[in-house]
Amino acid sequence: EVCRDKCDAVLPLVRLLLHHHKLVPFVTAVAELDLRDTQEANTIFRGNSLATRCVDEMMKIVGKHYLKVTLKPICESPKPCEIDPIKLREGDNVEINMENLRYYVDKVFREIVRSSISCPTLMCDVFYSLRHLAAKRFPNDPHVQYSAVSSFVFLRFFAVAVVSPHTFHLRPHHPDAQTSRTLTLISKAIQTLGSWGSLTKSKLSSFKETFMCEFFKTFQEEKFTESVKKFLDDVSSTESKEPSGVSEPVHLKEG
């Protein structure tokens, strides 16, 4: 309330709290405040509040290695995946492009839902807390505990890292125009698949673009919904995980 620009406050605050192992109780407290102002379950953690920005920064700091390990299958120069009829270039075949896009989306989605064992413990602790706060705030909505977690781990973490890999230092430079467009389409698909339970006919009609609606008709399978549910269950659990092999130390300050 006293800080004009939350961006200035968030990063030092998160680093300080991480250093003193106090981030989880702090995020829990500010998320609870956030939820008091949330009237509808489907808008949960969608704004840029202090709580959501703190979780964003925490994921950037703590989840960098996790992202690198999980998203490495997105190749450097992916095949064309344009499925928007208006943006197709001469000689492009929309069926082949759709197959290419489906291949990349399947690959990235599979890597994400199999990656829960590598998710950093701190992220799991935060997701566990957010999940329970959401269920407490909206006790009559069985899906809200999942959307509270997916709004971070899919929408604000994986989908953002796919479309802007340089933001998370996954690439040394900005991708070229075609690669950038492919990453945007993959990211849109991952966001939709990650919104648990969104692959229903009623939700399909909410797509602004007809071509995305056509593309998602091929995803009308229960296994996608079940995979997302299991993944969200796993990353929002506080059960001890196996050590995830190689991990990198977290840099809280430089110089």
C-alpha atoms as a PDB file:
ATOM      1  CA  GLU A   1       0.000   0.000   0.000  1.00  0.00           C
ATOM      2  CA  VAL A   2       2.873   2.428   0.642  1.00  0.00           C
ATOM      3  CA  CYS A   3       5.037   1.439  -2.312  1.00  0.00           C
ATOM      4  CA  ARG A   4       4.146   3.120  -5.616  1.00  0.00           C
ATOM      5  CA  ASP A   5       5.908   0.586  -7.776  1.00  0.00           C
ATOM      6  CA  LYS A   6       5.722  -2.948  -6.423  1.00  0.00           C
ATOM      7  CA  CYS A   7       8.468  -4.035  -8.863  1.00  0.00           C
ATOM      8  CA  ASP A   8      11.048  -2.040  -6.892  1.00  0.00           C
ATOM      9  CA  ALA A   9      10.095  -3.712  -3.640  1.00  0.00           C
ATOM     10  CA  VAL A  10       9.489  -7.282  -4.756  1.00  0.00           C
ATOM     11  CA  LEU A  11      12.940  -8.503  -5.808  1.00  0.00           C
ATOM     12  CA  PRO A  12      14.895  -7.327  -2.725  1.00  0.00           C
ATOM     13  CA  LEU A  13      12.044  -8.499  -0.502  1.00  0.00           C
ATOM     14  CA  VAL A  14      12.041 -11.995  -2.040  1.00  0.00           C
ATOM     15  CA  ARG A  15      15.838 -12.294  -1.869  1.00  0.00           C
ATOM     16  CA  LEU A  16      15.906 -11.174   1.756  1.00  0.00           C
ATOM     17  CA  LEU A  17      13.112 -13.550   2.785  1.00  0.00           C
ATOM     18  CA  LEU A  18      14.696 -16.434   0.855  1.00  0.00           C
ATOM     19  CA  HIS A  19      17.966 -15.827   2.659  1.00  0.00           C
ATOM     20  CA  HIS A  20      16.236 -15.983   6.054  1.00  0.00           C
ATOM     21  CA  HIS A  21      13.969 -18.956   5.090  1.00  0.00           C
ATOM     22  CA  LYS A  22      10.871 -16.833   5.698  1.00  0.00           C
ATOM     23  CA  LEU A  23       9.427 -16.665   2.192  1.00  0.00           C
ATOM     24  CA  VAL A  24       6.718 -19.328   2.571  1.00  0.00           C
ATOM     25  CA  PRO A  25       5.018 -17.765   5.648  1.00  0.00           C
ATOM     26  CA  PHE A  26       5.253 -14.307   4.023  1.00  0.00           C
ATOM     27  CA  VAL A  27       3.720 -15.448   0.712  1.00  0.00           C
ATOM     28  CA  THR A  28       1.009 -17.305   2.657  1.00  0.00           C
ATOM     29  CA  ALA A  29       0.126 -14.109   4.540  1.00  0.00           C
ATOM     30  CA  VAL A  30       0.010 -11.816   1.481  1.00  0.00           C
ATOM     31  CA  ALA A  31      -1.833 -14.446  -0.597  1.00  0.00           C
ATOM     32  CA  GLU A  32      -4.474 -14.650   2.134  1.00  0.00           C
ATOM     33  CA  LEU A  33      -4.910 -10.872   1.903  1.00  0.00           C
ATOM     34  CA  ASP A  34      -5.127 -11.180  -1.877  1.00  0.00           C
ATOM     35  CA  LEU A  35      -7.858 -13.807  -1.630  1.00  0.00           C
ATOM     36  CA  ARG A  36     -10.015 -11.582   0.579  1.00  0.00           C
ATOM     37  CA  ASP A  37     -10.465  -9.284  -2.430  1.00  0.00           C
ATOM     38  CA  THR A  38     -11.052 -12.162  -4.888  1.00  0.00           C
ATOM     39  CA  GLN A  39     -14.780 -12.516  -5.456  1.00  0.00           C
ATOM     40  CA  GLU A  40     -14.767 -15.200  -8.157  1.00  0.00           C
ATOM     41  CA  ALA A  41     -12.834 -18.464  -8.137  1.00  0.00           C
ATOM     42  CA  ASN A  42     -12.012 -18.243 -11.853  1.00  0.00           C
ATOM     43  CA  THR A  43     -10.026 -14.999 -11.370  1.00  0.00           C
ATOM     44  CA  ILE A  44      -7.820 -16.440  -8.631  1.00  0.00           C
ATOM     45  CA  PHE A  45      -4.206 -15.135  -8.676  1.00  0.00           C
ATOM     46  CA  ARG A  46      -4.621 -13.615 -12.150  1.00  0.00           C
ATOM     47  CA  GLY A  47      -3.690 -10.014 -11.254  1.00  0.00           C
ATOM     48  CA  ASN A  48      -0.326  -8.402 -10.501  1.00  0.00           C
ATOM     49  CA  SER A  49      -0.581  -8.160  -6.735  1.00  0.00           C
ATOM     50  CA  LEU A  50       2.256  -8.239  -4.205  1.00  0.00           C
ATOM     51  CA  ALA A  51       1.544 -11.953  -3.626  1.00  0.00           C
ATOM     52  CA  THR A  52       1.617 -12.953  -7.311  1.00  0.00           C
ATOM     53  CA  ARG A  53       4.741 -10.879  -8.026  1.00  0.00           C
ATOM     54  CA  CYS A  54       6.574 -12.402  -5.059  1.00  0.00           C
ATOM     55  CA  VAL A  55       5.758 -15.900  -6.305  1.00  0.00           C
ATOM     56  CA  ASP A  56       6.847 -14.887  -9.843  1.00  0.00           C
ATOM     57  CA  GLU A  57      10.239 -13.663  -8.589  1.00  0.00           C
ATOM     58  CA  MET A  58      10.673 -16.695  -6.354  1.00  0.00           C
ATOM     59  CA  MET A  59      10.038 -19.017  -9.335  1.00  0.00           C
ATOM     60  CA  LYS A  60      12.555 -17.090 -11.462  1.00  0.00           C
ATOM     61  CA  ILE A  61      15.242 -17.374  -8.778  1.00  0.00           C
ATOM     62  CA  VAL A  62      14.570 -20.879  -7.482  1.00  0.00           C
ATOM     63  CA  GLY A  63      13.193 -22.539 -10.630  1.00  0.00           C
ATOM     64  CA  LYS A  64      15.854 -21.601 -13.197  1.00  0.00           C
ATOM     65  CA  HIS A  65      17.564 -24.994 -13.226  1.00  0.00           C
ATOM     66  CA  TYR A  66      14.214 -26.821 -13.111  1.00  0.00           C
ATOM     67  CA  LEU A  67      13.144 -24.948 -16.262  1.00  0.00           C
ATOM     68  CA  LYS A  68      16.399 -25.692 -18.083  1.00  0.00           C
ATOM     69  CA  VAL A  69      16.078 -29.409 -17.379  1.00  0.00           C
ATOM     70  CA  THR A  70      12.379 -29.574 -18.280  1.00  0.00           C
ATOM     71  CA  LEU A  71      12.262 -27.394 -21.399  1.00  0.00           C
ATOM     72  CA  LYS A  72      15.398 -28.580 -23.160  1.00  0.00           C
ATOM     73  CA  PRO A  73      13.347 -30.528 -25.775  1.00  0.00           C
ATOM     74  CA  ILE A  74      12.289 -27.270 -27.467  1.00  0.00           C
ATOM     75  CA  CYS A  75      14.829 -27.340 -30.250  1.00  0.00           C
ATOM     76  CA  GLU A  76      16.802 -24.320 -31.412  1.00  0.00           C
ATOM     77  CA  SER A  77      15.250 -24.095 -34.889  1.00  0.00           C
ATOM     78  CA  PRO A  78      11.811 -25.670 -34.756  1.00  0.00           C
ATOM     79  CA  LYS A  79       9.883 -26.522 -37.937  1.00  0.00           C
ATOM     80  CA  PRO A  80       7.165 -24.081 -39.064  1.00  0.00           C
ATOM     81  CA  CYS A  81       4.004 -24.391 -36.985  1.00  0.00           C
ATOM     82  CA  GLU A  82       1.851 -21.509 -38.263  1.00  0.00           C
ATOM     83  CA  ILE A  83      -1.828 -22.516 -38.282  1.00  0.00           C
ATOM     84  CA  ASP A  84      -3.396 -19.058 -38.605  1.00  0.00           C
ATOM     85  CA  PRO A  85      -4.714 -18.913 -42.221  1.00  0.00           C
ATOM     86  CA  ILE A  86      -4.046 -15.145 -42.333  1.00  0.00           C
ATOM     87  CA  LYS A  87      -0.375 -15.560 -41.381  1.00  0.00           C
ATOM     88  CA  LEU A  88       0.452 -18.566 -43.593  1.00  0.00           C
ATOM     89  CA  ARG A  89       3.324 -17.980 -45.988  1.00  0.00           C
ATOM     90  CA  GLU A  90       3.334 -19.051 -49.616  1.00  0.00           C
ATOM     91  CA  GLY A  91       4.029 -22.752 -49.927  1.00  0.00           C
ATOM     92  CA  ASP A  92       3.035 -23.475 -46.316  1.00  0.00           C
ATOM     93  CA  ASN A  93       0.828 -26.489 -45.699  1.00  0.00           C
ATOM     94  CA  VAL A  94      -1.522 -25.925 -42.771  1.00  0.00           C
ATOM     95  CA  GLU A  95      -1.993 -29.687 -42.144  1.00  0.00           C
ATOM     96  CA  ILE A  96       1.770 -30.279 -41.918  1.00  0.00           C
ATOM     97  CA  ASN A  97       2.183 -27.189 -39.705  1.00  0.00           C
ATOM     98  CA  MET A  98      -0.573 -28.450 -37.417  1.00  0.00           C
ATOM     99  CA  GLU A  99       1.206 -31.813 -37.142  1.00  0.00           C
ATOM    100  CA  ASN A 100       4.467 -29.999 -36.302  1.00  0.00           C
ATOM    101  CA  LEU A 101       2.738 -27.910 -33.635  1.00  0.00           C
ATOM    102  CA  ARG A 102       1.011 -30.954 -32.181  1.00  0.00           C
ATOM    103  CA  TYR A 103       4.388 -32.743 -32.030  1.00  0.00           C
ATOM    104  CA  TYR A 104       6.063 -29.883 -30.100  1.00  0.00           C
ATOM    105  CA  VAL A 105       3.092 -29.314 -27.781  1.00  0.00           C
ATOM    106  CA  ASP A 106       2.912 -33.047 -26.987  1.00  0.00           C
ATOM    107  CA  LYS A 107       6.649 -33.144 -26.331  1.00  0.00           C
ATOM    108  CA  VAL A 108       6.724 -30.072 -24.060  1.00  0.00           C
ATOM    109  CA  PHE A 109       3.532 -31.103 -22.255  1.00  0.00           C
ATOM    110  CA  ARG A 110       4.903 -34.610 -21.631  1.00  0.00           C
ATOM    111  CA  GLU A 111       8.157 -33.199 -20.229  1.00  0.00           C
ATOM    112  CA  ILE A 112       6.274 -30.820 -17.914  1.00  0.00           C
ATOM    113  CA  VAL A 113       3.864 -33.375 -16.447  1.00  0.00           C
ATOM    114  CA  ARG A 114       6.730 -35.827 -15.900  1.00  0.00           C
ATOM    115  CA  SER A 115       8.895 -33.213 -14.182  1.00  0.00           C
ATOM    116  CA  SER A 116       7.204 -32.969 -10.774  1.00  0.00           C
ATOM    117  CA  ILE A 117      10.010 -34.918  -9.088  1.00  0.00           C
ATOM    118  CA  SER A 118      12.444 -32.151 -10.129  1.00  0.00           C
ATOM    119  CA  CYS A 119      10.282 -29.265  -8.906  1.00  0.00           C
ATOM    120  CA  PRO A 120      12.237 -27.377  -6.193  1.00  0.00           C
ATOM    121  CA  THR A 121      10.984 -28.071  -2.668  1.00  0.00           C
ATOM    122  CA  LEU A 122      10.437 -24.364  -1.971  1.00  0.00           C
ATOM    123  CA  MET A 123       8.128 -24.038  -4.984  1.00  0.00           C
ATOM    124  CA  CYS A 124       6.189 -27.125  -3.819  1.00  0.00           C
ATOM    125  CA  ASP A 125       5.833 -25.618  -0.325  1.00  0.00           C
ATOM    126  CA  VAL A 126       4.469 -22.356  -1.755  1.00  0.00           C
ATOM    127  CA  PHE A 127       2.045 -24.220  -4.069  1.00  0.00           C
ATOM    128  CA  TYR A 128       0.878 -26.390  -1.158  1.00  0.00           C
ATOM    129  CA  SER A 129       0.090 -23.271   0.844  1.00  0.00           C
ATOM    130  CA  LEU A 130      -1.699 -21.497  -2.066  1.00  0.00           C
ATOM    131  CA  ARG A 131      -3.739 -24.606  -2.821  1.00  0.00           C
ATOM    132  CA  HIS A 132      -5.044 -24.853   0.740  1.00  0.00           C
ATOM    133  CA  LEU A 133      -5.776 -21.125   0.995  1.00  0.00           C
ATOM    134  CA  ALA A 134      -7.797 -21.306  -2.242  1.00  0.00           C
ATOM    135  CA  ALA A 135      -9.788 -24.343  -1.066  1.00  0.00           C
ATOM    136  CA  LYS A 136     -10.529 -22.544   2.220  1.00  0.00           C
ATOM    137  CA  ARG A 137     -11.621 -19.342   0.443  1.00  0.00           C
ATOM    138  CA  PHE A 138     -13.901 -21.139  -2.061  1.00  0.00           C
ATOM    139  CA  PRO A 139     -14.987 -24.322  -0.232  1.00  0.00           C
ATOM    140  CA  ASN A 140     -17.776 -25.088  -2.740  1.00  0.00           C
ATOM    141  CA  ASP A 141     -15.521 -25.120  -5.795  1.00  0.00           C
ATOM    142  CA  PRO A 142     -13.596 -28.421  -6.126  1.00  0.00           C
ATOM    143  CA  HIS A 143     -11.446 -27.098  -9.019  1.00  0.00           C
ATOM    144  CA  VAL A 144     -10.141 -23.935  -7.385  1.00  0.00           C
ATOM    145  CA  GLN A 145      -7.363 -25.722  -5.470  1.00  0.00           C
ATOM    146  CA  TYR A 146      -5.948 -26.799  -8.852  1.00  0.00           C
ATOM    147  CA  SER A 147      -6.451 -23.504 -10.697  1.00  0.00           C
ATOM    148  CA  ALA A 148      -4.657 -21.689  -7.837  1.00  0.00           C
ATOM    149  CA  VAL A 149      -1.535 -23.755  -8.557  1.00  0.00           C
ATOM    150  CA  SER A 150      -1.868 -23.948 -12.371  1.00  0.00           C
ATOM    151  CA  SER A 151      -2.229 -20.151 -12.598  1.00  0.00           C
ATOM    152  CA  PHE A 152       1.382 -19.997 -11.374  1.00  0.00           C
ATOM    153  CA  VAL A 153       3.163 -23.120 -12.550  1.00  0.00           C
ATOM    154  CA  PHE A 154       1.601 -23.248 -16.040  1.00  0.00           C
ATOM    155  CA  LEU A 155       0.515 -19.682 -16.849  1.00  0.00           C
ATOM    156  CA  ARG A 156       3.212 -17.647 -15.095  1.00  0.00           C
ATOM    157  CA  PHE A 157       6.141 -20.089 -15.178  1.00  0.00           C
ATOM    158  CA  PHE A 158       6.225 -22.650 -18.000  1.00  0.00           C
ATOM    159  CA  ALA A 159       4.116 -20.717 -20.546  1.00  0.00           C
ATOM    160  CA  VAL A 160       6.151 -17.521 -19.968  1.00  0.00           C
ATOM    161  CA  ALA A 161       9.459 -19.418 -20.189  1.00  0.00           C
ATOM    162  CA  VAL A 162       8.390 -21.044 -23.471  1.00  0.00           C
ATOM    163  CA  VAL A 163       7.380 -17.760 -25.127  1.00  0.00           C
ATOM    164  CA  SER A 164      10.255 -15.665 -23.646  1.00  0.00           C
ATOM    165  CA  PRO A 165      13.145 -18.070 -23.009  1.00  0.00           C
ATOM    166  CA  HIS A 166      15.607 -15.157 -22.713  1.00  0.00           C
ATOM    167  CA  THR A 167      13.634 -13.857 -19.683  1.00  0.00           C
ATOM    168  CA  PHE A 168      14.696 -16.956 -17.760  1.00  0.00           C
ATOM    169  CA  HIS A 169      18.169 -17.012 -19.393  1.00  0.00           C
ATOM    170  CA  LEU A 170      17.290 -20.234 -21.241  1.00  0.00           C
ATOM    171  CA  ARG A 171      18.583 -18.710 -24.478  1.00  0.00           C
ATOM    172  CA  PRO A 172      21.445 -16.271 -24.963  1.00  0.00           C
ATOM    173  CA  HIS A 173      19.486 -14.065 -27.398  1.00  0.00           C
ATOM    174  CA  HIS A 174      16.016 -13.335 -28.755  1.00  0.00           C
ATOM    175  CA  PRO A 175      14.766 -16.033 -31.162  1.00  0.00           C
ATOM    176  CA  ASP A 176      14.172 -15.161 -34.837  1.00  0.00           C
ATOM    177  CA  ALA A 177      10.648 -14.261 -36.030  1.00  0.00           C
ATOM    178  CA  GLN A 178       9.587 -17.778 -37.111  1.00  0.00           C
ATOM    179  CA  THR A 179      10.937 -19.431 -33.953  1.00  0.00           C
ATOM    180  CA  SER A 180       9.311 -16.705 -31.861  1.00  0.00           C
ATOM    181  CA  ARG A 181       5.929 -17.343 -33.508  1.00  0.00           C
ATOM    182  CA  THR A 182       6.283 -21.113 -32.977  1.00  0.00           C
ATOM    183  CA  LEU A 183       7.124 -20.563 -29.303  1.00  0.00           C
ATOM    184  CA  THR A 184       4.060 -18.277 -28.963  1.00  0.00           C
ATOM    185  CA  LEU A 185       1.768 -20.986 -30.365  1.00  0.00           C
ATOM    186  CA  ILE A 186       3.317 -23.677 -28.127  1.00  0.00           C
ATOM    187  CA  SER A 187       2.957 -21.361 -25.124  1.00  0.00           C
ATOM    188  CA  LYS A 188      -0.740 -20.696 -25.887  1.00  0.00           C
ATOM    189  CA  ALA A 189      -1.345 -24.433 -26.107  1.00  0.00           C
ATOM    190  CA  ILE A 190       0.503 -25.150 -22.845  1.00  0.00           C
ATOM    191  CA  GLN A 191      -1.525 -22.442 -21.061  1.00  0.00           C
ATOM    192  CA  THR A 192      -4.765 -24.008 -22.240  1.00  0.00           C
ATOM    193  CA  LEU A 193      -3.744 -27.557 -21.368  1.00  0.00           C
ATOM    194  CA  GLY A 194      -2.519 -26.356 -17.968  1.00  0.00           C
ATOM    195  CA  SER A 195      -5.811 -24.682 -17.088  1.00  0.00           C
ATOM    196  CA  TRP A 196      -7.035 -27.849 -15.479  1.00  0.00           C
ATOM    197  CA  GLY A 197     -10.392 -28.956 -16.802  1.00  0.00           C
ATOM    198  CA  SER A 198     -10.430 -26.380 -19.593  1.00  0.00           C
ATOM    199  CA  LEU A 199     -10.645 -28.965 -22.380  1.00  0.00           C
ATOM    200  CA  THR A 200     -14.406 -29.101 -22.330  1.00  0.00           C
ATOM    201  CA  LYS A 201     -16.630 -28.230 -25.271  1.00  0.00           C
ATOM    202  CA  SER A 202     -17.972 -25.134 -23.501  1.00  0.00           C
ATOM    203  CA  LYS A 203     -14.438 -23.813 -22.939  1.00  0.00           C
ATOM    204  CA  LEU A 204     -13.415 -24.527 -26.537  1.00  0.00           C
ATOM    205  CA  SER A 205     -15.933 -21.973 -27.751  1.00  0.00           C
ATOM    206  CA  SER A 206     -14.168 -19.293 -25.673  1.00  0.00           C
ATOM    207  CA  PHE A 207     -11.121 -19.258 -27.996  1.00  0.00           C
ATOM    208  CA  LYS A 208     -10.815 -15.946 -29.793  1.00  0.00           C
ATOM    209  CA  GLU A 209      -9.147 -17.660 -32.762  1.00  0.00           C
ATOM    210  CA  THR A 210     -11.042 -20.294 -34.761  1.00  0.00           C
ATOM    211  CA  PHE A 211      -7.761 -21.956 -35.778  1.00  0.00           C
ATOM    212  CA  MET A 212      -6.825 -22.584 -32.106  1.00  0.00           C
ATOM    213  CA  CYS A 213     -10.292 -24.039 -31.538  1.00  0.00           C
ATOM    214  CA  GLU A 214      -9.749 -26.441 -34.465  1.00  0.00           C
ATOM    215  CA  PHE A 215      -6.300 -27.357 -33.157  1.00  0.00           C
ATOM    216  CA  PHE A 216      -7.633 -28.176 -29.685  1.00  0.00           C
ATOM    217  CA  LYS A 217     -10.342 -30.460 -30.984  1.00  0.00           C
ATOM    218  CA  THR A 218      -7.543 -33.020 -31.334  1.00  0.00           C
ATOM    219  CA  PHE A 219      -6.861 -32.742 -27.584  1.00  0.00           C
ATOM    220  CA  GLN A 220     -10.312 -33.821 -26.397  1.00  0.00           C
ATOM    221  CA  GLU A 221      -8.897 -36.625 -24.342  1.00  0.00           C
ATOM    222  CA  GLU A 222      -9.336 -37.327 -20.668  1.00  0.00           C
ATOM    223  CA  LYS A 223      -5.699 -38.347 -20.301  1.00  0.00           C
ATOM    224  CA  PHE A 224      -4.546 -34.713 -20.689  1.00  0.00           C
ATOM    225  CA  THR A 225      -6.847 -33.551 -17.906  1.00  0.00           C
ATOM    226  CA  GLU A 226      -5.779 -36.450 -15.694  1.00  0.00           C
ATOM    227  CA  SER A 227      -2.057 -35.821 -16.361  1.00  0.00           C
ATOM    228  CA  VAL A 228      -2.425 -32.160 -15.381  1.00  0.00           C
ATOM    229  CA  LYS A 229      -4.359 -33.066 -12.229  1.00  0.00           C
ATOM    230  CA  LYS A 230      -1.713 -35.579 -11.157  1.00  0.00           C
ATOM    231  CA  PHE A 231       1.107 -33.126 -11.885  1.00  0.00           C
ATOM    232  CA  LEU A 232      -0.613 -30.346  -9.874  1.00  0.00           C
ATOM    233  CA  ASP A 233      -1.207 -32.805  -7.018  1.00  0.00           C
ATOM    234  CA  ASP A 234       2.487 -33.739  -7.031  1.00  0.00           C
ATOM    235  CA  VAL A 235       3.918 -30.190  -7.150  1.00  0.00           C
ATOM    236  CA  SER A 236       1.585 -28.952  -4.409  1.00  0.00           C
ATOM    237  CA  SER A 237       2.436 -31.778  -2.035  1.00  0.00           C
ATOM    238  CA  THR A 238       4.819 -31.422   0.886  1.00  0.00           C
ATOM    239  CA  GLU A 239       5.775 -35.092   0.835  1.00  0.00           C
ATOM    240  CA  SER A 240       9.522 -35.502   0.678  1.00  0.00           C
ATOM    241  CA  LYS A 241      10.814 -35.881  -2.841  1.00  0.00           C
ATOM    242  CA  GLU A 242      13.773 -37.824  -4.121  1.00  0.00           C
ATOM    243  CA  PRO A 243      16.845 -35.670  -4.711  1.00  0.00           C
ATOM    244  CA  SER A 244      16.473 -34.422  -8.277  1.00  0.00           C
ATOM    245  CA  GLY A 245      20.017 -35.185  -9.385  1.00  0.00           C
ATOM    246  CA  VAL A 246      22.033 -32.151 -10.339  1.00  0.00           C
ATOM    247  CA  SER A 247      20.789 -28.839  -9.002  1.00  0.00           C
ATOM    248  CA  GLU A 248      22.390 -25.453  -9.098  1.00  0.00           C
ATOM    249  CA  PRO A 249      23.012 -23.189  -6.116  1.00  0.00           C
ATOM    250  CA  VAL A 250      20.675 -20.221  -5.850  1.00  0.00           C
ATOM    251  CA  HIS A 251      22.407 -16.852  -6.244  1.00  0.00           C
ATOM    252  CA  LEU A 252      20.780 -14.300  -3.966  1.00  0.00           C
ATOM    253  CA  LYS A 253      23.384 -11.595  -4.439  1.00  0.00           C
ATOM    254  CA  GLU A 254      26.276 -10.939  -6.763  1.00  0.00           C
ATOM    255  CA  GLY A 255      29.570  -9.119  -6.402  1.00  0.00           C
END
